C-alpha atoms as a PDB file:
ATOM      1  CA  MET A   1     137.709  51.746 199.162  1.00  0.00           C
ATOM      2  CA  PRO A   2     137.699  52.263 195.382  1.00  0.00           C
ATOM      3  CA  PHE A   3     134.829  54.685 195.848  1.00  0.00           C
ATOM      4  CA  SER A   4     136.944  56.694 198.321  1.00  0.00           C
ATOM      5  CA  VAL A   5     139.914  56.874 195.923  1.00  0.00           C
ATOM      6  CA  HIS A   6     137.625  57.988 193.081  1.00  0.00           C
ATOM      7  CA  THR A   7     136.165  60.732 195.290  1.00  0.00           C
ATOM      8  CA  THR A   8     139.663  61.939 196.287  1.00  0.00           C
ATOM      9  CA  HIS A   9     140.766  62.168 192.664  1.00  0.00           C
ATOM     10  CA  ALA A  10     137.604  64.061 191.725  1.00  0.00           C
ATOM     11  CA  ALA A  11     138.130  66.510 194.585  1.00  0.00           C
ATOM     12  CA  ALA A  12     141.741  67.032 193.520  1.00  0.00           C
ATOM     13  CA  ARG A  13     140.651  67.733 189.943  1.00  0.00           C
ATOM     14  CA  TRP A  14     138.044  70.191 191.213  1.00  0.00           C
ATOM     15  CA  ARG A  15     140.638  71.998 193.376  1.00  0.00           C
ATOM     16  CA  LEU A  16     143.016  72.149 190.409  1.00  0.00           C
ATOM     17  CA  SER A  17     140.355  73.569 188.075  1.00  0.00           C
ATOM     18  CA  THR A  18     139.290  76.110 190.726  1.00  0.00           C
ATOM     19  CA  ALA A  19     142.887  77.229 191.260  1.00  0.00           C
ATOM     20  CA  SER A  20     143.431  77.546 187.509  1.00  0.00           C
ATOM     21  CA  ALA A  21     140.353  79.734 186.927  1.00  0.00           C
ATOM     22  CA  PRO A  22     141.954  83.069 187.976  1.00  0.00           C
ATOM     23  CA  LEU A  23     145.016  82.355 185.813  1.00  0.00           C
ATOM     24  CA  PHE A  24     142.801  81.512 182.849  1.00  0.00           C
ATOM     25  CA  LEU A  25     140.785  84.710 183.301  1.00  0.00           C
ATOM     26  CA  ALA A  26     143.979  86.778 183.562  1.00  0.00           C
ATOM     27  CA  LEU A  27     145.375  85.272 180.361  1.00  0.00           C
ATOM     28  CA  LEU A  28     142.043  85.852 178.606  1.00  0.00           C
ATOM     29  CA  SER A  29     142.047  89.513 179.685  1.00  0.00           C
ATOM     30  CA  LEU A  30     145.582  90.006 178.371  1.00  0.00           C
ATOM     31  CA  LEU A  31     144.586  88.382 175.097  1.00  0.00           C
ATOM     32  CA  LEU A  32     141.565  90.673 174.711  1.00  0.00           C
ATOM     33  CA  LEU A  33     143.661  93.749 175.532  1.00  0.00           C
ATOM     34  CA  GLY A  34     146.244  92.701 172.987  1.00  0.00           C
ATOM     35  CA  CYS A  35     143.556  92.508 170.311  1.00  0.00           C
ATOM     36  CA  GLY A  36     142.314  96.056 171.008  1.00  0.00           C
ATOM     37  CA  PRO A  37     143.415  99.189 169.176  1.00  0.00           C
ATOM     38  CA  ARG A  38     146.849 100.669 169.915  1.00  0.00           C
ATOM     39  CA  LEU A  39     145.715 104.153 170.912  1.00  0.00           C
ATOM     40  CA  VAL A  40     148.036 107.158 170.782  1.00  0.00           C
ATOM     41  CA  PRO A  41     147.305 110.903 171.161  1.00  0.00           C
ATOM     42  CA  PHE A  42     146.330 112.588 167.903  1.00  0.00           C
ATOM     43  CA  THR A  43     148.374 115.789 167.762  1.00  0.00           C
ATOM     44  CA  HIS A  44     148.450 118.681 165.312  1.00  0.00           C
ATOM     45  CA  GLU A  45     152.101 117.880 164.623  1.00  0.00           C
ATOM     46  CA  LEU A  46     151.127 114.325 163.680  1.00  0.00           C
ATOM     47  CA  ARG A  47     148.476 115.625 161.310  1.00  0.00           C
ATOM     48  CA  VAL A  48     150.938 117.993 159.628  1.00  0.00           C
ATOM     49  CA  GLN A  49     153.681 115.343 159.482  1.00  0.00           C
ATOM     50  CA  ARG A  50     151.356 112.856 157.776  1.00  0.00           C
ATOM     51  CA  ASP A  51     149.842 115.599 155.577  1.00  0.00           C
ATOM     52  CA  LEU A  52     146.318 114.577 156.557  1.00  0.00           C
ATOM     53  CA  SER A  53     143.619 116.562 154.769  1.00  0.00           C
ATOM     54  CA  ASP A  54     140.132 117.280 156.110  1.00  0.00           C
ATOM     55  CA  SER A  55     138.865 114.297 154.096  1.00  0.00           C
ATOM     56  CA  ASP A  56     141.571 112.065 155.575  1.00  0.00           C
ATOM     57  CA  VAL A  57     140.661 112.847 159.197  1.00  0.00           C
ATOM     58  CA  LYS A  58     136.976 112.217 158.449  1.00  0.00           C
ATOM     59  CA  ASN A  59     137.948 108.648 157.504  1.00  0.00           C
ATOM     60  CA  LEU A  60     139.736 107.974 160.797  1.00  0.00           C
ATOM     61  CA  GLN A  61     138.296 106.389 163.939  1.00  0.00           C
ATOM     62  CA  PHE A  62     138.911 108.588 166.976  1.00  0.00           C
ATOM     63  CA  TYR A  63     138.524 107.904 170.700  1.00  0.00           C
ATOM     64  CA  VAL A  64     138.331 110.200 173.717  1.00  0.00           C
ATOM     65  CA  SER A  65     141.071 109.957 176.338  1.00  0.00           C
ATOM     66  CA  HIS A  66     139.127 110.950 179.474  1.00  0.00           C
ATOM     67  CA  PRO A  67     135.468 110.922 180.536  1.00  0.00           C
ATOM     68  CA  ILE A  68     133.469 113.995 179.532  1.00  0.00           C
ATOM     69  CA  ALA A  69     130.512 115.169 181.611  1.00  0.00           C
ATOM     70  CA  LEU A  70     128.215 118.045 180.628  1.00  0.00           C
ATOM     71  CA  ARG A  71     125.420 119.410 182.810  1.00  0.00           C
ATOM     72  CA  ARG A  72     122.719 122.058 182.552  1.00  0.00           C
ATOM     73  CA  GLU A  73     119.982 123.053 184.952  1.00  0.00           C
ATOM     74  CA  LEU A  74     116.473 122.512 183.682  1.00  0.00           C
ATOM     75  CA  THR A  75     114.013 125.356 183.976  1.00  0.00           C
ATOM     76  CA  ALA A  76     110.415 125.820 182.923  1.00  0.00           C
ATOM     77  CA  GLU A  77     111.698 127.448 179.731  1.00  0.00           C
ATOM     78  CA  SER A  78     114.238 124.709 178.959  1.00  0.00           C
ATOM     79  CA  SER A  79     112.578 121.497 180.091  1.00  0.00           C
ATOM     80  CA  GLN A  80     113.092 119.515 176.871  1.00  0.00           C
ATOM     81  CA  VAL A  81     115.506 116.628 177.418  1.00  0.00           C
ATOM     82  CA  THR A  82     117.131 114.342 174.854  1.00  0.00           C
ATOM     83  CA  SER A  83     115.996 110.753 175.410  1.00  0.00           C
ATOM     84  CA  SER A  84     119.561 109.385 175.643  1.00  0.00           C
ATOM     85  CA  HIS A  85     120.574 111.832 178.405  1.00  0.00           C
ATOM     86  CA  LYS A  86     120.230 111.459 182.183  1.00  0.00           C
ATOM     87  CA  LEU A  87     118.104 113.461 184.595  1.00  0.00           C
ATOM     88  CA  LEU A  88     119.597 114.105 188.044  1.00  0.00           C
ATOM     89  CA  LEU A  89     118.268 115.759 191.185  1.00  0.00           C
ATOM     90  CA  VAL A  90     121.164 117.560 192.896  1.00  0.00           C
ATOM     91  CA  SER A  91     120.655 119.998 195.787  1.00  0.00           C
ATOM     92  CA  GLY A  92     117.043 120.517 194.776  1.00  0.00           C
ATOM     93  CA  LYS A  93     117.920 121.278 191.163  1.00  0.00           C
ATOM     94  CA  VAL A  94     116.860 119.170 188.183  1.00  0.00           C
ATOM     95  CA  ILE A  95     119.977 118.587 186.067  1.00  0.00           C
ATOM     96  CA  GLU A  96     120.326 117.169 182.568  1.00  0.00           C
ATOM     97  CA  GLU A  97     123.623 115.299 182.202  1.00  0.00           C
ATOM     98  CA  VAL A  98     125.489 114.116 179.123  1.00  0.00           C
ATOM     99  CA  VAL A  99     128.340 111.649 179.700  1.00  0.00           C
ATOM    100  CA  VAL A 100     130.945 110.456 177.186  1.00  0.00           C
ATOM    101  CA  GLU A 101     132.878 107.577 178.713  1.00  0.00           C
ATOM    102  CA  GLU A 102     136.633 107.152 178.355  1.00  0.00           C
ATOM    103  CA  ARG A 103     137.676 105.583 175.005  1.00  0.00           C
ATOM    104  CA  THR A 104     134.251 106.146 173.460  1.00  0.00           C
ATOM    105  CA  PRO A 105     134.656 106.006 169.654  1.00  0.00           C
ATOM    106  CA  GLY A 106     133.794 109.047 167.547  1.00  0.00           C
ATOM    107  CA  VAL A 107     134.132 110.368 164.000  1.00  0.00           C
ATOM    108  CA  VAL A 108     135.035 113.800 162.652  1.00  0.00           C
ATOM    109  CA  VAL A 109     132.065 115.507 161.004  1.00  0.00           C
ATOM    110  CA  ALA A 110     133.759 118.871 160.363  1.00  0.00           C
ATOM    111  CA  ALA A 111     137.332 120.200 160.283  1.00  0.00           C
ATOM    112  CA  ARG A 112     138.426 123.809 160.216  1.00  0.00           C
ATOM    113  CA  GLY A 113     141.900 125.115 160.942  1.00  0.00           C
ATOM    114  CA  GLY A 114     143.109 123.713 164.234  1.00  0.00           C
ATOM    115  CA  ALA A 115     139.681 122.438 165.310  1.00  0.00           C
ATOM    116  CA  LEU A 116     137.857 119.142 164.765  1.00  0.00           C
ATOM    117  CA  SER A 117     134.151 118.557 165.419  1.00  0.00           C
ATOM    118  CA  VAL A 118     133.749 114.972 166.635  1.00  0.00           C
ATOM    119  CA  SER A 119     130.422 113.156 166.907  1.00  0.00           C
ATOM    120  CA  PHE A 120     129.872 110.543 169.626  1.00  0.00           C
ATOM    121  CA  GLU A 121     126.131 110.231 168.974  1.00  0.00           C
ATOM    122  CA  PRO A 122     123.995 110.940 165.897  1.00  0.00           C
ATOM    123  CA  GLY A 123     123.094 114.564 165.337  1.00  0.00           C
ATOM    124  CA  ALA A 124     125.554 116.113 167.797  1.00  0.00           C
ATOM    125  CA  SER A 125     129.260 116.863 168.053  1.00  0.00           C
ATOM    126  CA  LEU A 126     131.900 118.310 170.365  1.00  0.00           C
ATOM    127  CA  THR A 127     134.763 120.562 169.257  1.00  0.00           C
ATOM    128  CA  PHE A 128     138.387 119.681 169.991  1.00  0.00           C
ATOM    129  CA  SER A 129     141.093 122.313 169.402  1.00  0.00           C
ATOM    130  CA  ALA A 130     144.842 121.826 169.014  1.00  0.00           C
ATOM    131  CA  GLY A 131     146.955 123.352 171.748  1.00  0.00           C
ATOM    132  CA  PRO A 132     149.585 122.644 174.415  1.00  0.00           C
ATOM    133  CA  GLU A 133     148.765 121.070 177.758  1.00  0.00           C
ATOM    134  CA  LEU A 134     148.385 123.856 180.316  1.00  0.00           C
ATOM    135  CA  PHE A 135     146.728 121.966 183.143  1.00  0.00           C
ATOM    136  CA  GLY A 136     148.188 121.944 186.606  1.00  0.00           C
ATOM    137  CA  PRO A 137     147.094 120.234 189.811  1.00  0.00           C
ATOM    138  CA  ALA A 138     143.661 121.387 190.900  1.00  0.00           C
ATOM    139  CA  PRO A 139     143.559 123.305 194.199  1.00  0.00           C
ATOM    140  CA  PRO A 140     142.224 121.366 197.196  1.00  0.00           C
ATOM    141  CA  ALA A 141     138.594 121.895 198.071  1.00  0.00           C
ATOM    142  CA  PRO A 142     138.013 124.017 201.205  1.00  0.00           C
ATOM    143  CA  SER A 143     136.943 122.115 204.276  1.00  0.00           C
ATOM    144  CA  PHE A 144     134.530 123.333 206.934  1.00  0.00           C
ATOM    145  CA  PRO A 145     134.734 121.051 209.971  1.00  0.00           C
ATOM    146  CA  GLY A 146     131.419 120.408 211.618  1.00  0.00           C
ATOM    147  CA  PHE A 147     129.286 121.452 208.673  1.00  0.00           C
ATOM    148  CA  ALA A 148     127.818 119.199 206.006  1.00  0.00           C
ATOM    149  CA  THR A 149     128.536 120.427 202.497  1.00  0.00           C
ATOM    150  CA  PRO A 150     125.650 119.981 200.031  1.00  0.00           C
ATOM    151  CA  PRO A 151     126.554 118.263 196.745  1.00  0.00           C
ATOM    152  CA  ASP A 152     127.633 120.640 194.008  1.00  0.00           C
ATOM    153  CA  PRO A 153     125.464 120.269 190.884  1.00  0.00           C
ATOM    154  CA  PHE A 154     128.339 121.647 188.791  1.00  0.00           C
ATOM    155  CA  PRO A 155     131.551 120.271 190.368  1.00  0.00           C
ATOM    156  CA  GLY A 156     134.779 121.889 189.180  1.00  0.00           C
ATOM    157  CA  ASN A 157     133.146 125.108 187.986  1.00  0.00           C
ATOM    158  CA  THR A 158     134.021 127.031 191.158  1.00  0.00           C
ATOM    159  CA  GLU A 159     137.749 126.336 190.664  1.00  0.00           C
ATOM    160  CA  PRO A 160     139.873 128.724 188.604  1.00  0.00           C
ATOM    161  CA  LEU A 161     140.216 127.759 184.964  1.00  0.00           C
ATOM    162  CA  LEU A 162     143.523 126.017 184.445  1.00  0.00           C
ATOM    163  CA  ALA A 163     143.137 125.868 180.678  1.00  0.00           C
ATOM    164  CA  SER A 164     140.383 125.986 178.143  1.00  0.00           C
ATOM    165  CA  PRO A 165     141.279 125.699 174.451  1.00  0.00           C
ATOM    166  CA  SER A 166     139.428 128.201 172.332  1.00  0.00           C
ATOM    167  CA  ALA A 167     136.372 126.823 170.605  1.00  0.00           C
ATOM    168  CA  ALA A 168     137.283 128.973 167.599  1.00  0.00           C
ATOM    169  CA  GLY A 169     140.254 126.744 166.817  1.00  0.00           C
ATOM    170  CA  ASP A 170     141.900 129.059 164.298  1.00  0.00           C
ATOM    171  CA  GLY A 171     145.111 127.037 164.420  1.00  0.00           C
ATOM    172  CA  SER A 172     147.230 130.172 164.942  1.00  0.00           C
ATOM    173  CA  GLY A 173     148.636 128.933 168.254  1.00  0.00           C
ATOM    174  CA  PRO A 174     151.197 126.192 168.911  1.00  0.00           C
ATOM    175  CA  GLY A 175     150.376 122.604 168.112  1.00  0.00           C
ATOM    176  CA  GLY A 176     149.709 119.800 170.536  1.00  0.00           C
ATOM    177  CA  ASN A 177     146.874 117.466 171.431  1.00  0.00           C
ATOM    178  CA  TYR A 178     143.324 118.148 170.296  1.00  0.00           C
ATOM    179  CA  TRP A 179     141.685 119.140 173.605  1.00  0.00           C
ATOM    180  CA  LEU A 180     137.993 119.494 174.354  1.00  0.00           C
ATOM    181  CA  ALA A 181     137.227 123.160 173.647  1.00  0.00           C
ATOM    182  CA  ALA A 182     134.994 125.264 175.881  1.00  0.00           C
ATOM    183  CA  GLY A 183     134.012 128.901 176.001  1.00  0.00           C
ATOM    184  CA  PRO A 184     134.183 131.334 178.915  1.00  0.00           C
ATOM    185  CA  GLY A 185     132.936 129.852 182.162  1.00  0.00           C
ATOM    186  CA  ARG A 186     133.528 126.295 180.909  1.00  0.00           C
ATOM    187  CA  GLU A 187     130.428 126.442 178.729  1.00  0.00           C
ATOM    188  CA  ILE A 188     129.757 124.324 175.637  1.00  0.00           C
ATOM    189  CA  ARG A 189     126.875 124.502 173.173  1.00  0.00           C
ATOM    190  CA  TYR A 190     125.654 120.959 172.538  1.00  0.00           C
ATOM    191  CA  GLN A 191     122.555 120.074 170.514  1.00  0.00           C
ATOM    192  CA  GLY A 192     121.580 123.735 170.559  1.00  0.00           C
ATOM    193  CA  LYS A 193     121.709 123.958 174.376  1.00  0.00           C
ATOM    194  CA  VAL A 194     124.321 125.506 176.664  1.00  0.00           C
ATOM    195  CA  PHE A 195     125.974 122.992 179.023  1.00  0.00           C
ATOM    196  CA  SER A 196     128.638 123.402 181.675  1.00  0.00           C
ATOM    197  CA  VAL A 197     131.743 121.220 181.482  1.00  0.00           C
ATOM    198  CA  ILE A 198     132.253 119.673 184.915  1.00  0.00           C
ATOM    199  CA  GLU A 199     135.066 118.025 186.861  1.00  0.00           C
ATOM    200  CA  ASP A 200     138.141 117.049 184.785  1.00  0.00           C
ATOM    201  CA  SER A 201     136.354 116.929 181.425  1.00  0.00           C
ATOM    202  CA  LEU A 202     138.649 119.597 179.945  1.00  0.00           C
ATOM    203  CA  ARG A 203     141.514 117.102 180.191  1.00  0.00           C
ATOM    204  CA  ALA A 204     139.845 115.035 177.472  1.00  0.00           C
ATOM    205  CA  HIS A 205     141.705 114.911 174.166  1.00  0.00           C
ATOM    206  CA  LEU A 206     141.531 112.820 171.020  1.00  0.00           C
ATOM    207  CA  LEU A 207     143.216 109.438 170.613  1.00  0.00           C
ATOM    208  CA  ILE A 208     143.676 107.437 167.437  1.00  0.00           C
ATOM    209  CA  ASP A 209     144.450 103.845 166.527  1.00  0.00           C
ATOM    210  CA  ALA A 210     148.070 103.972 165.364  1.00  0.00           C
ATOM    211  CA  ASP A 211     147.637 100.968 163.062  1.00  0.00           C
ATOM    212  CA  ALA A 212     144.542 102.473 161.405  1.00  0.00           C
ATOM    213  CA  LEU A 213     146.460 105.713 160.817  1.00  0.00           C
ATOM    214  CA  GLU A 214     149.203 103.789 159.027  1.00  0.00           C
ATOM    215  CA  GLU A 215     146.610 102.129 156.787  1.00  0.00           C
ATOM    216  CA  VAL A 216     145.153 105.509 155.779  1.00  0.00           C
ATOM    217  CA  VAL A 217     148.599 106.895 154.991  1.00  0.00           C
ATOM    218  CA  GLU A 218     149.478 103.820 152.921  1.00  0.00           C
ATOM    219  CA  ARG A 219     146.289 104.155 150.860  1.00  0.00           C
ATOM    220  CA  ARG A 220     147.244 107.680 149.829  1.00  0.00           C
ATOM    221  CA  THR A 221     149.251 107.520 146.607  1.00  0.00           C
ATOM    222  CA  VAL A 222     151.265 110.544 145.538  1.00  0.00           C
ATOM    223  CA  LEU A 223     151.735 110.716 141.774  1.00  0.00           C
ATOM    224  CA  PRO A 224     155.275 111.613 140.671  1.00  0.00           C
ATOM    225  CA  GLY A 225     154.066 113.538 137.609  1.00  0.00           C
ATOM    226  CA  VAL A 226     155.068 113.250 133.950  1.00  0.00           C
ATOM    227  CA  ARG A 227     157.837 115.275 132.311  1.00  0.00           C
ATOM    228  CA  LEU A 228     158.375 116.032 128.656  1.00  0.00           C
ATOM    229  CA  PRO A 229     161.182 113.988 127.058  1.00  0.00           C
ATOM    230  CA  ALA A 230     164.524 115.745 127.029  1.00  0.00           C
ATOM    231  CA  ARG A 231     165.384 117.507 123.760  1.00  0.00           C
END
């Protein structure tokens, strides 16, 4: 009989610990999220308001808001592939793919006018240009009942361009977020090669840790100057 009571208590403790596991994991996740950076969009207005110089932005940690995917078709003349990139076989074509995941950290390596060159891997960078959000809902893909549609090696490139900030980034236009900049036909030069920007990559813009921005601003000391004594 004592053995039976002991077994019942042990089973009850096991059921209690099992039931508490999801709650513990949920609380742990909230705690980890609370310890992460407080990310906000980095806008041209914010840069002007805080009077951030080119040197200031190079000392800030940036993040990307949306996933970025770049693809190019490999040919006999352009078969060299960077070791960190992926090789895909889509519809009989060999594709090199570069992916920057959402919230990947990056640093500014060059700043000119309304454009920032941000590096997410050594030796390469992507340009983000300040501008307003001009994106609308993408048109639905056409359907052809009864026919199988082969996978598109460059998804999104057959849709009309909703917006594409100029890679020149002269800063003459209105302010706004710093959007991923692409040239005509959604093309980007990356590591000396021409890639196509696919899917919703052009929605990617720069984010910044709000607390880190405050620390940079606080470290900047503006001297009041010295005047001659009144005569």
